[in-house]
Amino acid sequence: MDNRHFVNQHVISPPFPAHLERIIVALGCFWGAERRFWQQKGVYSTAVGYIAGNTENPTYKEVSTGLTHHAEAVHIVFDPNLVTLTELLKVFFESHDPTQGMRQGNDEGTQYRSGIYTLNQQQQALAIAVKNYYQEQLSKRHFLSITTEILPAPTFYYAEDYHQQYLAKNPDGYCGLRGCGVDMDLNAFEKEHKE
């Protein structure tokens, strides 16, 4: 595997500088999802891969059958002094429709489900709090219930090299990201929940 991020040349697999933190999210096709996060300030590197399935070292072809039950996911490495996890979760929820179950738009299947895969109890608690807060905002606009799964992160399997930073290598490539058009008020959330 090529361990250099195509956009910023940082490493995409461990070890990472000690002050950085990690989170893994799934929000549909991972090409557009990864681009959304590498564009955020404070994000050191991103990588795409597969998570929360029932086989080891799956290939894209295997995941695409739906039989392995993996989600297409983005591994995010970030500097908490430059961007908070809350800010990244805001980007996560606003960038896709988290109410669609096993699909995003025209992309259907288990690999397109919404998920947050946490690395510690603090992340888990924060992810649940943000989900509940965003659900309140969606409910006011008559959206359905959020289907995002929030789990302690199982093994993340890196996708094939050609998928990494795909939309930087192929600027006209497919991106199916579509949000609900509902903003999360970060200030209001943080007043209710002190990080």
C-alpha atoms as a PDB file:
ATOM      1  CA  MET A   1       0.000   0.000   0.000  1.00  0.00           C
ATOM      2  CA  ASP A   2       1.165   3.519  -0.814  1.00  0.00           C
ATOM      3  CA  ASN A   3       1.395   5.150   2.621  1.00  0.00           C
ATOM      4  CA  ARG A   4       1.450   8.767   1.399  1.00  0.00           C
ATOM      5  CA  HIS A   5      -1.647  10.921   1.098  1.00  0.00           C
ATOM      6  CA  PHE A   6      -1.941  12.001  -2.533  1.00  0.00           C
ATOM      7  CA  VAL A   7      -3.005  15.534  -1.549  1.00  0.00           C
ATOM      8  CA  ASN A   8      -0.778  16.479   1.399  1.00  0.00           C
ATOM      9  CA  GLN A   9       1.884  13.720   1.454  1.00  0.00           C
ATOM     10  CA  HIS A  10       1.255  12.843   5.124  1.00  0.00           C
ATOM     11  CA  VAL A  11       1.188   9.180   6.111  1.00  0.00           C
ATOM     12  CA  ILE A  12      -2.204   7.486   6.004  1.00  0.00           C
ATOM     13  CA  SER A  13      -1.429   4.517   8.254  1.00  0.00           C
ATOM     14  CA  PRO A  14       0.132   4.338  11.738  1.00  0.00           C
ATOM     15  CA  PRO A  15       2.269   5.392  13.402  1.00  0.00           C
ATOM     16  CA  PHE A  16       1.028   8.992  13.499  1.00  0.00           C
ATOM     17  CA  PRO A  17       2.459  11.922  15.487  1.00  0.00           C
ATOM     18  CA  ALA A  18       1.528  11.433  19.142  1.00  0.00           C
ATOM     19  CA  HIS A  19      -0.606  14.589  19.509  1.00  0.00           C
ATOM     20  CA  LEU A  20      -3.069  13.540  16.799  1.00  0.00           C
ATOM     21  CA  GLU A  21      -6.396  11.769  17.259  1.00  0.00           C
ATOM     22  CA  ARG A  22      -8.407   9.462  15.007  1.00  0.00           C
ATOM     23  CA  ILE A  23     -12.053   8.754  14.190  1.00  0.00           C
ATOM     24  CA  ILE A  24     -13.667   6.570  11.519  1.00  0.00           C
ATOM     25  CA  VAL A  25     -16.929   7.474   9.787  1.00  0.00           C
ATOM     26  CA  ALA A  26     -19.132   6.050   7.043  1.00  0.00           C
ATOM     27  CA  LEU A  27     -21.490   8.235   5.000  1.00  0.00           C
ATOM     28  CA  GLY A  28     -22.064   6.579   1.668  1.00  0.00           C
ATOM     29  CA  CYS A  29     -19.610   6.256  -1.213  1.00  0.00           C
ATOM     30  CA  PHE A  30     -16.201   6.856   0.340  1.00  0.00           C
ATOM     31  CA  TRP A  31     -14.738   8.839  -2.570  1.00  0.00           C
ATOM     32  CA  GLY A  32     -16.699  12.024  -1.922  1.00  0.00           C
ATOM     33  CA  ALA A  33     -16.778  11.445   1.822  1.00  0.00           C
ATOM     34  CA  GLU A  34     -12.988  11.337   2.026  1.00  0.00           C
ATOM     35  CA  ARG A  35     -12.631  14.548   0.019  1.00  0.00           C
ATOM     36  CA  ARG A  36     -15.027  16.343   2.344  1.00  0.00           C
ATOM     37  CA  PHE A  37     -12.772  15.556   5.306  1.00  0.00           C
ATOM     38  CA  TRP A  38      -9.338  16.140   3.778  1.00  0.00           C
ATOM     39  CA  GLN A  39     -10.593  19.643   2.968  1.00  0.00           C
ATOM     40  CA  GLN A  40     -11.211  20.433   6.656  1.00  0.00           C
ATOM     41  CA  LYS A  41      -8.702  22.503   8.597  1.00  0.00           C
ATOM     42  CA  GLY A  42      -6.797  20.492  11.188  1.00  0.00           C
ATOM     43  CA  VAL A  43      -7.179  17.169   9.357  1.00  0.00           C
ATOM     44  CA  TYR A  44      -3.737  15.611   9.068  1.00  0.00           C
ATOM     45  CA  SER A  45      -4.637  12.745   6.761  1.00  0.00           C
ATOM     46  CA  THR A  46      -7.499  10.620   5.502  1.00  0.00           C
ATOM     47  CA  ALA A  47      -7.816   7.146   4.055  1.00  0.00           C
ATOM     48  CA  VAL A  48     -10.683   5.039   2.778  1.00  0.00           C
ATOM     49  CA  GLY A  49     -11.451   1.475   3.678  1.00  0.00           C
ATOM     50  CA  TYR A  50     -13.929  -1.049   4.968  1.00  0.00           C
ATOM     51  CA  ILE A  51     -15.277  -1.526   8.489  1.00  0.00           C
ATOM     52  CA  ALA A  52     -17.843  -3.364  10.600  1.00  0.00           C
ATOM     53  CA  GLY A  53     -18.234  -6.400   8.353  1.00  0.00           C
ATOM     54  CA  ASN A  54     -17.844 -10.106   8.950  1.00  0.00           C
ATOM     55  CA  THR A  55     -14.774 -11.073   6.916  1.00  0.00           C
ATOM     56  CA  GLU A  56     -11.108 -10.143   7.135  1.00  0.00           C
ATOM     57  CA  ASN A  57      -9.233  -8.154   4.468  1.00  0.00           C
ATOM     58  CA  PRO A  58     -12.182  -7.694   2.106  1.00  0.00           C
ATOM     59  CA  THR A  59     -11.717  -6.418  -1.417  1.00  0.00           C
ATOM     60  CA  TYR A  60     -13.845  -3.714  -3.029  1.00  0.00           C
ATOM     61  CA  LYS A  61     -15.411  -6.350  -5.259  1.00  0.00           C
ATOM     62  CA  GLU A  62     -16.363  -8.460  -2.244  1.00  0.00           C
ATOM     63  CA  VAL A  63     -17.748  -5.501  -0.293  1.00  0.00           C
ATOM     64  CA  SER A  64     -19.802  -4.418  -3.312  1.00  0.00           C
ATOM     65  CA  THR A  65     -21.729  -7.707  -3.245  1.00  0.00           C
ATOM     66  CA  GLY A  66     -23.148  -6.751   0.158  1.00  0.00           C
ATOM     67  CA  LEU A  67     -22.312 -10.205   1.450  1.00  0.00           C
ATOM     68  CA  THR A  68     -19.461  -9.089   3.731  1.00  0.00           C
ATOM     69  CA  HIS A  69     -21.637  -6.396   5.401  1.00  0.00           C
ATOM     70  CA  HIS A  70     -18.775  -3.886   5.542  1.00  0.00           C
ATOM     71  CA  ALA A  71     -19.398  -0.157   5.331  1.00  0.00           C
ATOM     72  CA  GLU A  72     -17.315   2.058   3.051  1.00  0.00           C
ATOM     73  CA  ALA A  73     -15.555   4.278   5.593  1.00  0.00           C
ATOM     74  CA  VAL A  74     -13.123   7.157   5.994  1.00  0.00           C
ATOM     75  CA  HIS A  75     -10.304   6.996   8.548  1.00  0.00           C
ATOM     76  CA  ILE A  76      -9.638  10.565   9.728  1.00  0.00           C
ATOM     77  CA  VAL A  77      -6.486  11.664  11.557  1.00  0.00           C
ATOM     78  CA  PHE A  78      -6.802  15.142  13.022  1.00  0.00           C
ATOM     79  CA  ASP A  79      -5.121  17.664  15.283  1.00  0.00           C
ATOM     80  CA  PRO A  80      -7.529  18.408  18.192  1.00  0.00           C
ATOM     81  CA  ASN A  81      -5.771  21.736  18.732  1.00  0.00           C
ATOM     82  CA  LEU A  82      -6.921  22.854  15.274  1.00  0.00           C
ATOM     83  CA  VAL A  83     -10.282  21.124  14.840  1.00  0.00           C
ATOM     84  CA  THR A  84     -12.506  19.512  17.449  1.00  0.00           C
ATOM     85  CA  LEU A  85     -14.211  16.169  17.086  1.00  0.00           C
ATOM     86  CA  THR A  86     -17.521  18.022  17.479  1.00  0.00           C
ATOM     87  CA  GLU A  87     -16.683  20.121  14.417  1.00  0.00           C
ATOM     88  CA  LEU A  88     -15.860  16.985  12.423  1.00  0.00           C
ATOM     89  CA  LEU A  89     -19.100  15.315  13.518  1.00  0.00           C
ATOM     90  CA  LYS A  90     -20.986  18.423  12.383  1.00  0.00           C
ATOM     91  CA  VAL A  91     -19.384  18.002   8.941  1.00  0.00           C
ATOM     92  CA  PHE A  92     -20.301  14.311   9.045  1.00  0.00           C
ATOM     93  CA  PHE A  93     -23.989  14.828   9.761  1.00  0.00           C
ATOM     94  CA  GLU A  94     -24.429  17.806   7.442  1.00  0.00           C
ATOM     95  CA  SER A  95     -22.701  16.083   4.500  1.00  0.00           C
ATOM     96  CA  HIS A  96     -25.118  13.186   4.015  1.00  0.00           C
ATOM     97  CA  ASP A  97     -28.635  12.039   4.836  1.00  0.00           C
ATOM     98  CA  PRO A  98     -28.250   9.944   8.007  1.00  0.00           C
ATOM     99  CA  THR A  99     -31.875   8.758   7.900  1.00  0.00           C
ATOM    100  CA  GLN A 100     -31.658   6.506   4.839  1.00  0.00           C
ATOM    101  CA  GLY A 101     -30.632   3.176   6.334  1.00  0.00           C
ATOM    102  CA  MET A 102     -28.676   0.991   3.921  1.00  0.00           C
ATOM    103  CA  ARG A 103     -28.330   3.599   1.197  1.00  0.00           C
ATOM    104  CA  GLN A 104     -27.331   7.122   0.217  1.00  0.00           C
ATOM    105  CA  GLY A 105     -29.340   8.525  -2.646  1.00  0.00           C
ATOM    106  CA  ASN A 106     -29.098   6.136  -5.588  1.00  0.00           C
ATOM    107  CA  ASP A 107     -26.338   4.108  -3.905  1.00  0.00           C
ATOM    108  CA  GLU A 108     -28.001   1.126  -2.246  1.00  0.00           C
ATOM    109  CA  GLY A 109     -26.520  -1.626  -0.114  1.00  0.00           C
ATOM    110  CA  THR A 110     -24.995  -2.274   3.298  1.00  0.00           C
ATOM    111  CA  GLN A 111     -21.718  -0.622   2.237  1.00  0.00           C
ATOM    112  CA  TYR A 112     -23.475   2.758   1.963  1.00  0.00           C
ATOM    113  CA  ARG A 113     -24.889   2.877   5.496  1.00  0.00           C
ATOM    114  CA  SER A 114     -24.143   5.676   7.947  1.00  0.00           C
ATOM    115  CA  GLY A 115     -21.799   4.992  10.861  1.00  0.00           C
ATOM    116  CA  ILE A 116     -19.444   6.478  13.426  1.00  0.00           C
ATOM    117  CA  TYR A 117     -16.744   4.148  14.761  1.00  0.00           C
ATOM    118  CA  THR A 118     -15.134   5.451  17.920  1.00  0.00           C
ATOM    119  CA  LEU A 119     -11.737   4.860  19.501  1.00  0.00           C
ATOM    120  CA  ASN A 120     -12.606   5.540  23.156  1.00  0.00           C
ATOM    121  CA  GLN A 121     -15.506   6.127  25.552  1.00  0.00           C
ATOM    122  CA  GLN A 122     -15.259   9.908  25.281  1.00  0.00           C
ATOM    123  CA  GLN A 123     -15.681   9.765  21.511  1.00  0.00           C
ATOM    124  CA  GLN A 124     -18.559   7.320  21.898  1.00  0.00           C
ATOM    125  CA  ALA A 125     -20.410   9.592  24.327  1.00  0.00           C
ATOM    126  CA  LEU A 126     -19.842  12.669  22.165  1.00  0.00           C
ATOM    127  CA  ALA A 127     -20.985  10.903  18.992  1.00  0.00           C
ATOM    128  CA  ILE A 128     -24.218   9.836  20.690  1.00  0.00           C
ATOM    129  CA  ALA A 129     -24.795  13.363  22.018  1.00  0.00           C
ATOM    130  CA  VAL A 130     -24.250  14.929  18.585  1.00  0.00           C
ATOM    131  CA  LYS A 131     -26.518  12.345  16.955  1.00  0.00           C
ATOM    132  CA  ASN A 132     -29.288  13.042  19.463  1.00  0.00           C
ATOM    133  CA  TYR A 133     -28.914  16.801  19.009  1.00  0.00           C
ATOM    134  CA  TYR A 134     -28.981  16.551  15.216  1.00  0.00           C
ATOM    135  CA  GLN A 135     -32.036  14.308  15.442  1.00  0.00           C
ATOM    136  CA  GLU A 136     -33.827  17.140  17.252  1.00  0.00           C
ATOM    137  CA  GLN A 137     -32.965  19.489  14.384  1.00  0.00           C
ATOM    138  CA  LEU A 138     -34.130  16.962  11.763  1.00  0.00           C
ATOM    139  CA  SER A 139     -37.359  16.211  13.627  1.00  0.00           C
ATOM    140  CA  LYS A 140     -38.262  19.901  13.591  1.00  0.00           C
ATOM    141  CA  ARG A 141     -38.091  19.678   9.782  1.00  0.00           C
ATOM    142  CA  HIS A 142     -40.102  16.415   9.723  1.00  0.00           C
ATOM    143  CA  PHE A 143     -37.251  14.134   8.684  1.00  0.00           C
ATOM    144  CA  LEU A 144     -37.244  10.465   9.653  1.00  0.00           C
ATOM    145  CA  SER A 145     -35.139   8.982  12.456  1.00  0.00           C
ATOM    146  CA  ILE A 146     -31.359   8.846  12.135  1.00  0.00           C
ATOM    147  CA  THR A 147     -30.101   5.351  11.325  1.00  0.00           C
ATOM    148  CA  THR A 148     -26.399   6.058  11.947  1.00  0.00           C
ATOM    149  CA  GLU A 149     -24.750   3.216  13.850  1.00  0.00           C
ATOM    150  CA  ILE A 150     -22.321   4.283  16.579  1.00  0.00           C
ATOM    151  CA  LEU A 151     -19.924   1.527  17.619  1.00  0.00           C
ATOM    152  CA  PRO A 152     -16.509   1.070  19.199  1.00  0.00           C
ATOM    153  CA  ALA A 153     -14.328   0.788  16.100  1.00  0.00           C
ATOM    154  CA  PRO A 154     -13.725  -2.762  14.882  1.00  0.00           C
ATOM    155  CA  THR A 155     -10.809  -3.424  12.531  1.00  0.00           C
ATOM    156  CA  PHE A 156     -10.486  -0.914   9.702  1.00  0.00           C
ATOM    157  CA  TYR A 157      -9.240  -2.477   6.476  1.00  0.00           C
ATOM    158  CA  TYR A 158      -7.573  -0.081   4.063  1.00  0.00           C
ATOM    159  CA  ALA A 159      -9.069  -0.061   0.583  1.00  0.00           C
ATOM    160  CA  GLU A 160      -7.032  -0.628  -2.553  1.00  0.00           C
ATOM    161  CA  ASP A 161      -4.557   2.106  -3.539  1.00  0.00           C
ATOM    162  CA  TYR A 162      -6.634   3.378  -6.460  1.00  0.00           C
ATOM    163  CA  HIS A 163      -9.486   4.277  -4.072  1.00  0.00           C
ATOM    164  CA  GLN A 164      -7.276   6.400  -1.801  1.00  0.00           C
ATOM    165  CA  GLN A 165      -7.899  10.129  -2.413  1.00  0.00           C
ATOM    166  CA  TYR A 166      -9.755   9.049  -5.549  1.00  0.00           C
ATOM    167  CA  LEU A 167     -11.296  12.433  -6.335  1.00  0.00           C
ATOM    168  CA  ALA A 168      -7.903  14.159  -6.173  1.00  0.00           C
ATOM    169  CA  LYS A 169      -6.592  11.689  -8.734  1.00  0.00           C
ATOM    170  CA  ASN A 170      -9.841  11.791 -10.754  1.00  0.00           C
ATOM    171  CA  PRO A 171     -11.367  15.286 -10.289  1.00  0.00           C
ATOM    172  CA  ASP A 172     -14.360  14.491 -12.504  1.00  0.00           C
ATOM    173  CA  GLY A 173     -15.086  11.228 -10.681  1.00  0.00           C
ATOM    174  CA  TYR A 174     -18.379  10.268  -9.076  1.00  0.00           C
ATOM    175  CA  CYS A 175     -19.460  11.967  -5.857  1.00  0.00           C
ATOM    176  CA  GLY A 176     -22.905  11.159  -4.492  1.00  0.00           C
ATOM    177  CA  LEU A 177     -22.705  13.201  -1.275  1.00  0.00           C
ATOM    178  CA  ARG A 178     -25.950  15.026  -0.533  1.00  0.00           C
ATOM    179  CA  GLY A 179     -26.899  16.442   2.833  1.00  0.00           C
ATOM    180  CA  CYS A 180     -30.373  17.148   4.208  1.00  0.00           C
ATOM    181  CA  GLY A 181     -29.888  20.897   4.099  1.00  0.00           C
ATOM    182  CA  VAL A 182     -30.218  21.093   7.882  1.00  0.00           C
ATOM    183  CA  ASP A 183     -27.401  22.888   9.679  1.00  0.00           C
ATOM    184  CA  MET A 184     -26.180  21.877  13.114  1.00  0.00           C
ATOM    185  CA  ASP A 185     -25.821  24.904  15.384  1.00  0.00           C
ATOM    186  CA  LEU A 186     -22.412  24.233  16.922  1.00  0.00           C
ATOM    187  CA  ASN A 187     -22.653  27.040  19.473  1.00  0.00           C
ATOM    188  CA  ALA A 188     -26.042  25.895  20.729  1.00  0.00           C
ATOM    189  CA  PHE A 189     -24.839  22.306  20.991  1.00  0.00           C
ATOM    190  CA  GLU A 190     -21.718  23.276  22.909  1.00  0.00           C
ATOM    191  CA  LYS A 191     -23.755  25.326  25.361  1.00  0.00           C
ATOM    192  CA  GLU A 192     -25.735  22.197  26.163  1.00  0.00           C
ATOM    193  CA  HIS A 193     -22.761  19.810  26.111  1.00  0.00           C
ATOM    194  CA  LYS A 194     -19.400  20.937  27.361  1.00  0.00           C
ATOM    195  CA  GLU A 195     -16.605  18.933  25.681  1.00  0.00           C
END
